[in-house]
Amino acid sequence: MWVTFTRSNPSHDIYGVGAFSEHKHWGCTGSLIIDARIKNHHAPELIPDPKVASKVDKMFAKSGDLYGFGLSGLKII
């Protein structure tokens, strides 16, 4: 979901099937379409450094200093 909203501009990239405007509010009767393709003006994709990622993984492992503080410890309700 994060990628969808960071790659789209609501005023230009949101379309809907059966789109309408009523009392200054936009809506659609069918599916909502969000154009989240990578555009020319976007920054290049961030590619993690394998060495750094390995060090971070070790810190969050059971024997690491940050064990219990990672996302794996979160409970989604």
PDB file of N, CA and C in Angstrom:
ATOM      1  N   MET A   1       0.824  -1.174   0.000  1.00  0.00           N
ATOM      2  CA  MET A   1       0.000   0.000   0.000  1.00  0.00           C
ATOM      3  C   MET A   1       0.880   1.254   0.000  1.00  0.00           C
ATOM      4  N   TRP A   2       1.992   1.219   0.759  1.00  0.00           N
ATOM      5  CA  TRP A   2       2.883   2.377   0.828  1.00  0.00           C
ATOM      6  C   TRP A   2       3.374   2.756  -0.567  1.00  0.00           C
ATOM      7  N   VAL A   3       3.777   1.778  -1.361  1.00  0.00           N
ATOM      8  CA  VAL A   3       4.289   2.046  -2.699  1.00  0.00           C
ATOM      9  C   VAL A   3       3.206   2.691  -3.557  1.00  0.00           C
ATOM     10  N   THR A   4       1.993   2.207  -3.439  1.00  0.00           N
ATOM     11  CA  THR A   4       0.898   2.766  -4.235  1.00  0.00           C
ATOM     12  C   THR A   4       0.725   4.254  -3.974  1.00  0.00           C
ATOM     13  N   PHE A   5       0.729   4.648  -2.713  1.00  0.00           N
ATOM     14  CA  PHE A   5       0.464   6.046  -2.401  1.00  0.00           C
ATOM     15  C   PHE A   5       1.686   6.938  -2.532  1.00  0.00           C
ATOM     16  N   THR A   6       2.897   6.394  -2.478  1.00  0.00           N
ATOM     17  CA  THR A   6       4.069   7.231  -2.680  1.00  0.00           C
ATOM     18  C   THR A   6       4.397   7.386  -4.158  1.00  0.00           C
ATOM     19  N   ARG A   7       3.850   6.544  -5.001  1.00  0.00           N
ATOM     20  CA  ARG A   7       4.090   6.647  -6.447  1.00  0.00           C
ATOM     21  C   ARG A   7       2.941   7.297  -7.200  1.00  0.00           C
ATOM     22  N   SER A   8       1.932   7.763  -6.507  1.00  0.00           N
ATOM     23  CA  SER A   8       0.800   8.342  -7.213  1.00  0.00           C
ATOM     24  C   SER A   8       0.507   9.753  -6.720  1.00  0.00           C
ATOM     25  N   ASN A   9      -0.033  10.545  -7.613  1.00  0.00           N
ATOM     26  CA  ASN A   9      -0.465  11.906  -7.315  1.00  0.00           C
ATOM     27  C   ASN A   9      -1.988  11.897  -7.400  1.00  0.00           C
ATOM     28  N   PRO A  10      -2.682  12.095  -6.285  1.00  0.00           N
ATOM     29  CA  PRO A  10      -4.139  11.963  -6.297  1.00  0.00           C
ATOM     30  C   PRO A  10      -4.841  12.839  -7.338  1.00  0.00           C
ATOM     31  N   SER A  11      -4.291  14.009  -7.625  1.00  0.00           N
ATOM     32  CA  SER A  11      -4.957  14.890  -8.587  1.00  0.00           C
ATOM     33  C   SER A  11      -4.768  14.444 -10.036  1.00  0.00           C
ATOM     34  N   HIS A  12      -3.805  13.551 -10.290  1.00  0.00           N
ATOM     35  CA  HIS A  12      -3.534  13.135 -11.664  1.00  0.00           C
ATOM     36  C   HIS A  12      -3.649  11.628 -11.907  1.00  0.00           C
ATOM     37  N   ASP A  13      -3.494  10.823 -10.882  1.00  0.00           N
ATOM     38  CA  ASP A  13      -3.328   9.386 -11.081  1.00  0.00           C
ATOM     39  C   ASP A  13      -4.459   8.518 -10.532  1.00  0.00           C
ATOM     40  N   ILE A  14      -5.558   9.097 -10.131  1.00  0.00           N
ATOM     41  CA  ILE A  14      -6.673   8.299  -9.614  1.00  0.00           C
ATOM     42  C   ILE A  14      -7.848   8.417 -10.581  1.00  0.00           C
ATOM     43  N   TYR A  15      -8.325   7.270 -10.990  1.00  0.00           N
ATOM     44  CA  TYR A  15      -9.432   7.182 -11.943  1.00  0.00           C
ATOM     45  C   TYR A  15     -10.468   6.231 -11.368  1.00  0.00           C
ATOM     46  N   GLY A  16     -11.678   6.287 -11.911  1.00  0.00           N
ATOM     47  CA  GLY A  16     -12.705   5.374 -11.458  1.00  0.00           C
ATOM     48  C   GLY A  16     -13.652   5.008 -12.574  1.00  0.00           C
ATOM     49  N   VAL A  17     -14.173   3.816 -12.496  1.00  0.00           N
ATOM     50  CA  VAL A  17     -15.167   3.366 -13.468  1.00  0.00           C
ATOM     51  C   VAL A  17     -16.486   4.024 -13.091  1.00  0.00           C
ATOM     52  N   GLY A  18     -17.079   4.709 -14.018  1.00  0.00           N
ATOM     53  CA  GLY A  18     -18.323   5.427 -13.755  1.00  0.00           C
ATOM     54  C   GLY A  18     -18.087   6.647 -12.874  1.00  0.00           C
ATOM     55  N   ALA A  19     -16.982   7.363 -13.128  1.00  0.00           N
ATOM     56  CA  ALA A  19     -16.616   8.516 -12.301  1.00  0.00           C
ATOM     57  C   ALA A  19     -17.663   9.628 -12.420  1.00  0.00           C
ATOM     58  N   PHE A  20     -17.871  10.330 -11.305  1.00  0.00           N
ATOM     59  CA  PHE A  20     -18.791  11.459 -11.281  1.00  0.00           C
ATOM     60  C   PHE A  20     -18.341  12.458 -10.229  1.00  0.00           C
ATOM     61  N   SER A  21     -18.879  13.662 -10.321  1.00  0.00           N
ATOM     62  CA  SER A  21     -18.619  14.698  -9.327  1.00  0.00           C
ATOM     63  C   SER A  21     -19.969  15.240  -8.872  1.00  0.00           C
ATOM     64  N   GLU A  22     -20.180  15.224  -7.567  1.00  0.00           N
ATOM     65  CA  GLU A  22     -21.460  15.683  -7.025  1.00  0.00           C
ATOM     66  C   GLU A  22     -21.205  16.573  -5.816  1.00  0.00           C
ATOM     67  N   HIS A  23     -21.688  17.792  -5.886  1.00  0.00           N
ATOM     68  CA  HIS A  23     -21.495  18.771  -4.803  1.00  0.00           C
ATOM     69  C   HIS A  23     -20.022  18.902  -4.427  1.00  0.00           C
ATOM     70  N   LYS A  24     -19.171  19.053  -5.426  1.00  0.00           N
ATOM     71  CA  LYS A  24     -17.719  19.221  -5.284  1.00  0.00           C
ATOM     72  C   LYS A  24     -17.003  17.992  -4.711  1.00  0.00           C
ATOM     73  N   HIS A  25     -17.639  16.837  -4.713  1.00  0.00           N
ATOM     74  CA  HIS A  25     -17.026  15.596  -4.238  1.00  0.00           C
ATOM     75  C   HIS A  25     -16.956  14.608  -5.399  1.00  0.00           C
ATOM     76  N   TRP A  26     -15.768  14.009  -5.566  1.00  0.00           N
ATOM     77  CA  TRP A  26     -15.569  13.045  -6.623  1.00  0.00           C
ATOM     78  C   TRP A  26     -15.939  11.665  -6.121  1.00  0.00           C
ATOM     79  N   GLY A  27     -16.500  10.854  -7.002  1.00  0.00           N
ATOM     80  CA  GLY A  27     -16.828   9.477  -6.655  1.00  0.00           C
ATOM     81  C   GLY A  27     -16.867   8.630  -7.911  1.00  0.00           C
ATOM     82  N   CYS A  28     -17.073   7.332  -7.730  1.00  0.00           N
ATOM     83  CA  CYS A  28     -17.215   6.439  -8.864  1.00  0.00           C
ATOM     84  C   CYS A  28     -18.133   5.294  -8.470  1.00  0.00           C
ATOM     85  N   THR A  29     -18.808   4.754  -9.447  1.00  0.00           N
ATOM     86  CA  THR A  29     -19.755   3.672  -9.181  1.00  0.00           C
ATOM     87  C   THR A  29     -19.105   2.299  -9.306  1.00  0.00           C
ATOM     88  N   GLY A  30     -17.952   2.254  -9.940  1.00  0.00           N
ATOM     89  CA  GLY A  30     -17.258   0.980 -10.135  1.00  0.00           C
ATOM     90  C   GLY A  30     -15.918   0.957  -9.429  1.00  0.00           C
ATOM     91  N   SER A  31     -14.982   0.259 -10.013  1.00  0.00           N
ATOM     92  CA  SER A  31     -13.648   0.082  -9.425  1.00  0.00           C
ATOM     93  C   SER A  31     -12.847   1.375  -9.406  1.00  0.00           C
ATOM     94  N   LEU A  32     -12.011   1.522  -8.373  1.00  0.00           N
ATOM     95  CA  LEU A  32     -11.081   2.637  -8.244  1.00  0.00           C
ATOM     96  C   LEU A  32      -9.754   2.205  -8.850  1.00  0.00           C
ATOM     97  N   ILE A  33      -9.177   3.047  -9.699  1.00  0.00           N
ATOM     98  CA  ILE A  33      -7.938   2.721 -10.391  1.00  0.00           C
ATOM     99  C   ILE A  33      -6.888   3.761 -10.005  1.00  0.00           C
ATOM    100  N   ILE A  34      -5.745   3.300  -9.458  1.00  0.00           N
ATOM    101  CA  ILE A  34      -4.659   4.190  -9.072  1.00  0.00           C
ATOM    102  C   ILE A  34      -3.435   3.844  -9.913  1.00  0.00           C
ATOM    103  N   ASP A  35      -2.947   4.818 -10.671  1.00  0.00           N
ATOM    104  CA  ASP A  35      -1.772   4.615 -11.514  1.00  0.00           C
ATOM    105  C   ASP A  35      -0.527   4.768 -10.636  1.00  0.00           C
ATOM    106  N   ALA A  36       0.085   3.659 -10.218  1.00  0.00           N
ATOM    107  CA  ALA A  36       1.247   3.672  -9.334  1.00  0.00           C
ATOM    108  C   ALA A  36       2.499   3.187 -10.060  1.00  0.00           C
ATOM    109  N   ARG A  37       2.503   3.348 -11.375  1.00  0.00           N
ATOM    110  CA  ARG A  37       3.696   2.957 -12.118  1.00  0.00           C
ATOM    111  C   ARG A  37       4.848   3.895 -11.779  1.00  0.00           C
ATOM    112  N   ILE A  38       6.081   3.417 -11.924  1.00  0.00           N
ATOM    113  CA  ILE A  38       7.250   4.268 -11.709  1.00  0.00           C
ATOM    114  C   ILE A  38       7.303   5.283 -12.844  1.00  0.00           C
ATOM    115  N   LYS A  39       7.410   6.549 -12.463  1.00  0.00           N
ATOM    116  CA  LYS A  39       7.442   7.629 -13.455  1.00  0.00           C
ATOM    117  C   LYS A  39       8.880   8.141 -13.604  1.00  0.00           C
ATOM    118  N   ASN A  40       9.130   8.870 -14.675  1.00  0.00           N
ATOM    119  CA  ASN A  40      10.484   9.364 -14.964  1.00  0.00           C
ATOM    120  C   ASN A  40      11.036  10.268 -13.870  1.00  0.00           C
ATOM    121  N   HIS A  41      10.179  11.005 -13.183  1.00  0.00           N
ATOM    122  CA  HIS A  41      10.644  11.968 -12.174  1.00  0.00           C
ATOM    123  C   HIS A  41      10.882  11.329 -10.794  1.00  0.00           C
ATOM    124  N   HIS A  42      10.581  10.056 -10.628  1.00  0.00           N
ATOM    125  CA  HIS A  42      10.802   9.380  -9.354  1.00  0.00           C
ATOM    126  C   HIS A  42      12.284   9.060  -9.147  1.00  0.00           C
ATOM    127  N   ALA A  43      12.679   9.028  -7.888  1.00  0.00           N
ATOM    128  CA  ALA A  43      14.049   8.636  -7.534  1.00  0.00           C
ATOM    129  C   ALA A  43      14.233   7.155  -7.863  1.00  0.00           C
ATOM    130  N   PRO A  44      15.463   6.743  -8.113  1.00  0.00           N
ATOM    131  CA  PRO A  44      15.686   5.326  -8.393  1.00  0.00           C
ATOM    132  C   PRO A  44      15.367   4.469  -7.162  1.00  0.00           C
ATOM    133  N   GLU A  45      15.043   3.216  -7.412  1.00  0.00           N
ATOM    134  CA  GLU A  45      14.698   2.296  -6.340  1.00  0.00           C
ATOM    135  C   GLU A  45      15.886   2.106  -5.394  1.00  0.00           C
ATOM    136  N   LEU A  46      15.604   2.078  -4.103  1.00  0.00           N
ATOM    137  CA  LEU A  46      16.640   1.862  -3.107  1.00  0.00           C
ATOM    138  C   LEU A  46      16.978   0.378  -3.055  1.00  0.00           C
ATOM    139  N   ILE A  47      18.241   0.062  -3.278  1.00  0.00           N
ATOM    140  CA  ILE A  47      18.686  -1.326  -3.253  1.00  0.00           C
ATOM    141  C   ILE A  47      19.565  -1.500  -2.013  1.00  0.00           C
ATOM    142  N   PRO A  48      19.138  -2.351  -1.066  1.00  0.00           N
ATOM    143  CA  PRO A  48      19.914  -2.507   0.169  1.00  0.00           C
ATOM    144  C   PRO A  48      21.278  -3.158  -0.080  1.00  0.00           C
ATOM    145  N   ASP A  49      22.244  -2.724   0.703  1.00  0.00           N
ATOM    146  CA  ASP A  49      23.591  -3.290   0.661  1.00  0.00           C
ATOM    147  C   ASP A  49      23.554  -4.609   1.435  1.00  0.00           C
ATOM    148  N   PRO A  50      23.911  -5.739   0.815  1.00  0.00           N
ATOM    149  CA  PRO A  50      23.836  -7.041   1.495  1.00  0.00           C
ATOM    150  C   PRO A  50      24.654  -7.099   2.794  1.00  0.00           C
ATOM    151  N   LYS A  51      25.812  -6.430   2.829  1.00  0.00           N
ATOM    152  CA  LYS A  51      26.649  -6.438   4.034  1.00  0.00           C
ATOM    153  C   LYS A  51      25.937  -5.734   5.190  1.00  0.00           C
ATOM    154  N   VAL A  52      25.348  -4.582   4.910  1.00  0.00           N
ATOM    155  CA  VAL A  52      24.638  -3.827   5.950  1.00  0.00           C
ATOM    156  C   VAL A  52      23.405  -4.601   6.408  1.00  0.00           C
ATOM    157  N   ALA A  53      22.654  -5.170   5.463  1.00  0.00           N
ATOM    158  CA  ALA A  53      21.454  -5.943   5.806  1.00  0.00           C
ATOM    159  C   ALA A  53      21.802  -7.124   6.704  1.00  0.00           C
ATOM    160  N   SER A  54      22.934  -7.762   6.440  1.00  0.00           N
ATOM    161  CA  SER A  54      23.366  -8.891   7.264  1.00  0.00           C
ATOM    162  C   SER A  54      23.669  -8.446   8.699  1.00  0.00           C
ATOM    163  N   LYS A  55      24.337  -7.305   8.836  1.00  0.00           N
ATOM    164  CA  LYS A  55      24.641  -6.778  10.174  1.00  0.00           C
ATOM    165  C   LYS A  55      23.366  -6.432  10.940  1.00  0.00           C
ATOM    166  N   VAL A  56      22.415  -5.843  10.262  1.00  0.00           N
ATOM    167  CA  VAL A  56      21.146  -5.481  10.906  1.00  0.00           C
ATOM    168  C   VAL A  56      20.392  -6.738  11.326  1.00  0.00           C
ATOM    169  N   ASP A  57      20.360  -7.743  10.460  1.00  0.00           N
ATOM    170  CA  ASP A  57      19.698  -9.005  10.800  1.00  0.00           C
ATOM    171  C   ASP A  57      20.307  -9.630  12.049  1.00  0.00           C
ATOM    172  N   LYS A  58      21.635  -9.561  12.171  1.00  0.00           N
ATOM    173  CA  LYS A  58      22.311 -10.115  13.349  1.00  0.00           C
ATOM    174  C   LYS A  58      21.915  -9.356  14.617  1.00  0.00           C
ATOM    175  N   MET A  59      21.735  -8.039  14.505  1.00  0.00           N
ATOM    176  CA  MET A  59      21.360  -7.241  15.685  1.00  0.00           C
ATOM    177  C   MET A  59      19.963  -7.598  16.187  1.00  0.00           C
ATOM    178  N   PHE A  60      19.073  -7.985  15.268  1.00  0.00           N
ATOM    179  CA  PHE A  60      17.697  -8.313  15.655  1.00  0.00           C
ATOM    180  C   PHE A  60      17.493  -9.808  15.913  1.00  0.00           C
ATOM    181  N   ALA A  61      18.534 -10.619  15.724  1.00  0.00           N
ATOM    182  CA  ALA A  61      18.447 -12.059  16.000  1.00  0.00           C
ATOM    183  C   ALA A  61      18.361 -12.280  17.515  1.00  0.00           C
ATOM    184  N   LYS A  62      18.032 -13.508  17.932  1.00  0.00           N
ATOM    185  CA  LYS A  62      17.857 -13.815  19.364  1.00  0.00           C
ATOM    186  C   LYS A  62      19.061 -13.431  20.206  1.00  0.00           C
ATOM    187  N   SER A  63      20.243 -13.563  19.670  1.00  0.00           N
ATOM    188  CA  SER A  63      21.446 -13.237  20.447  1.00  0.00           C
ATOM    189  C   SER A  63      21.884 -11.778  20.269  1.00  0.00           C
ATOM    190  N   GLY A  64      21.156 -11.005  19.472  1.00  0.00           N
ATOM    191  CA  GLY A  64      21.556  -9.630  19.171  1.00  0.00           C
ATOM    192  C   GLY A  64      21.080  -8.615  20.205  1.00  0.00           C
ATOM    193  N   ASP A  65      21.705  -7.449  20.162  1.00  0.00           N
ATOM    194  CA  ASP A  65      21.401  -6.364  21.097  1.00  0.00           C
ATOM    195  C   ASP A  65      19.976  -5.821  20.963  1.00  0.00           C
ATOM    196  N   LEU A  66      19.399  -5.922  19.784  1.00  0.00           N
ATOM    197  CA  LEU A  66      18.077  -5.342  19.547  1.00  0.00           C
ATOM    198  C   LEU A  66      16.963  -6.392  19.467  1.00  0.00           C
ATOM    199  N   TYR A  67      17.244  -7.590  19.939  1.00  0.00           N
ATOM    200  CA  TYR A  67      16.228  -8.648  19.889  1.00  0.00           C
ATOM    201  C   TYR A  67      14.979  -8.198  20.650  1.00  0.00           C
ATOM    202  N   GLY A  68      13.821  -8.380  20.055  1.00  0.00           N
ATOM    203  CA  GLY A  68      12.554  -8.011  20.682  1.00  0.00           C
ATOM    204  C   GLY A  68      12.058  -6.636  20.277  1.00  0.00           C
ATOM    205  N   PHE A  69      12.898  -5.847  19.599  1.00  0.00           N
ATOM    206  CA  PHE A  69      12.494  -4.506  19.190  1.00  0.00           C
ATOM    207  C   PHE A  69      12.108  -4.441  17.719  1.00  0.00           C
ATOM    208  N   GLY A  70      12.212  -5.532  16.993  1.00  0.00           N
ATOM    209  CA  GLY A  70      11.909  -5.535  15.560  1.00  0.00           C
ATOM    210  C   GLY A  70      10.431  -5.695  15.289  1.00  0.00           C
ATOM    211  N   LEU A  71      10.072  -5.695  14.025  1.00  0.00           N
ATOM    212  CA  LEU A  71       8.676  -5.848  13.613  1.00  0.00           C
ATOM    213  C   LEU A  71       8.118  -7.210  13.971  1.00  0.00           C
ATOM    214  N   SER A  72       8.989  -8.200  14.130  1.00  0.00           N
ATOM    215  CA  SER A  72       8.498  -9.541  14.451  1.00  0.00           C
ATOM    216  C   SER A  72       7.845  -9.577  15.840  1.00  0.00           C
ATOM    217  N   GLY A  73       8.196  -8.605  16.671  1.00  0.00           N
ATOM    218  CA  GLY A  73       7.613  -8.544  18.015  1.00  0.00           C
ATOM    219  C   GLY A  73       6.269  -7.849  18.059  1.00  0.00           C
ATOM    220  N   LEU A  74       5.848  -7.245  16.950  1.00  0.00           N
ATOM    221  CA  LEU A  74       4.578  -6.529  16.916  1.00  0.00           C
ATOM    222  C   LEU A  74       3.423  -7.488  16.707  1.00  0.00           C
ATOM    223  N   LYS A  75       2.315  -7.197  17.366  1.00  0.00           N
ATOM    224  CA  LYS A  75       1.104  -7.984  17.176  1.00  0.00           C
ATOM    225  C   LYS A  75       0.107  -7.125  16.412  1.00  0.00           C
ATOM    226  N   ILE A  76      -0.330  -7.616  15.290  1.00  0.00           N
ATOM    227  CA  ILE A  76      -1.294  -6.888  14.466  1.00  0.00           C
ATOM    228  C   ILE A  76      -2.700  -7.337  14.875  1.00  0.00           C
ATOM    229  N   ILE A  77      -3.490  -6.384  15.244  1.00  0.00           N
ATOM    230  CA  ILE A  77      -4.863  -6.688  15.706  1.00  0.00           C
ATOM    231  C   ILE A  77      -5.839  -6.430  14.593  1.00  0.00           C
TER     232      ILE A  77
END
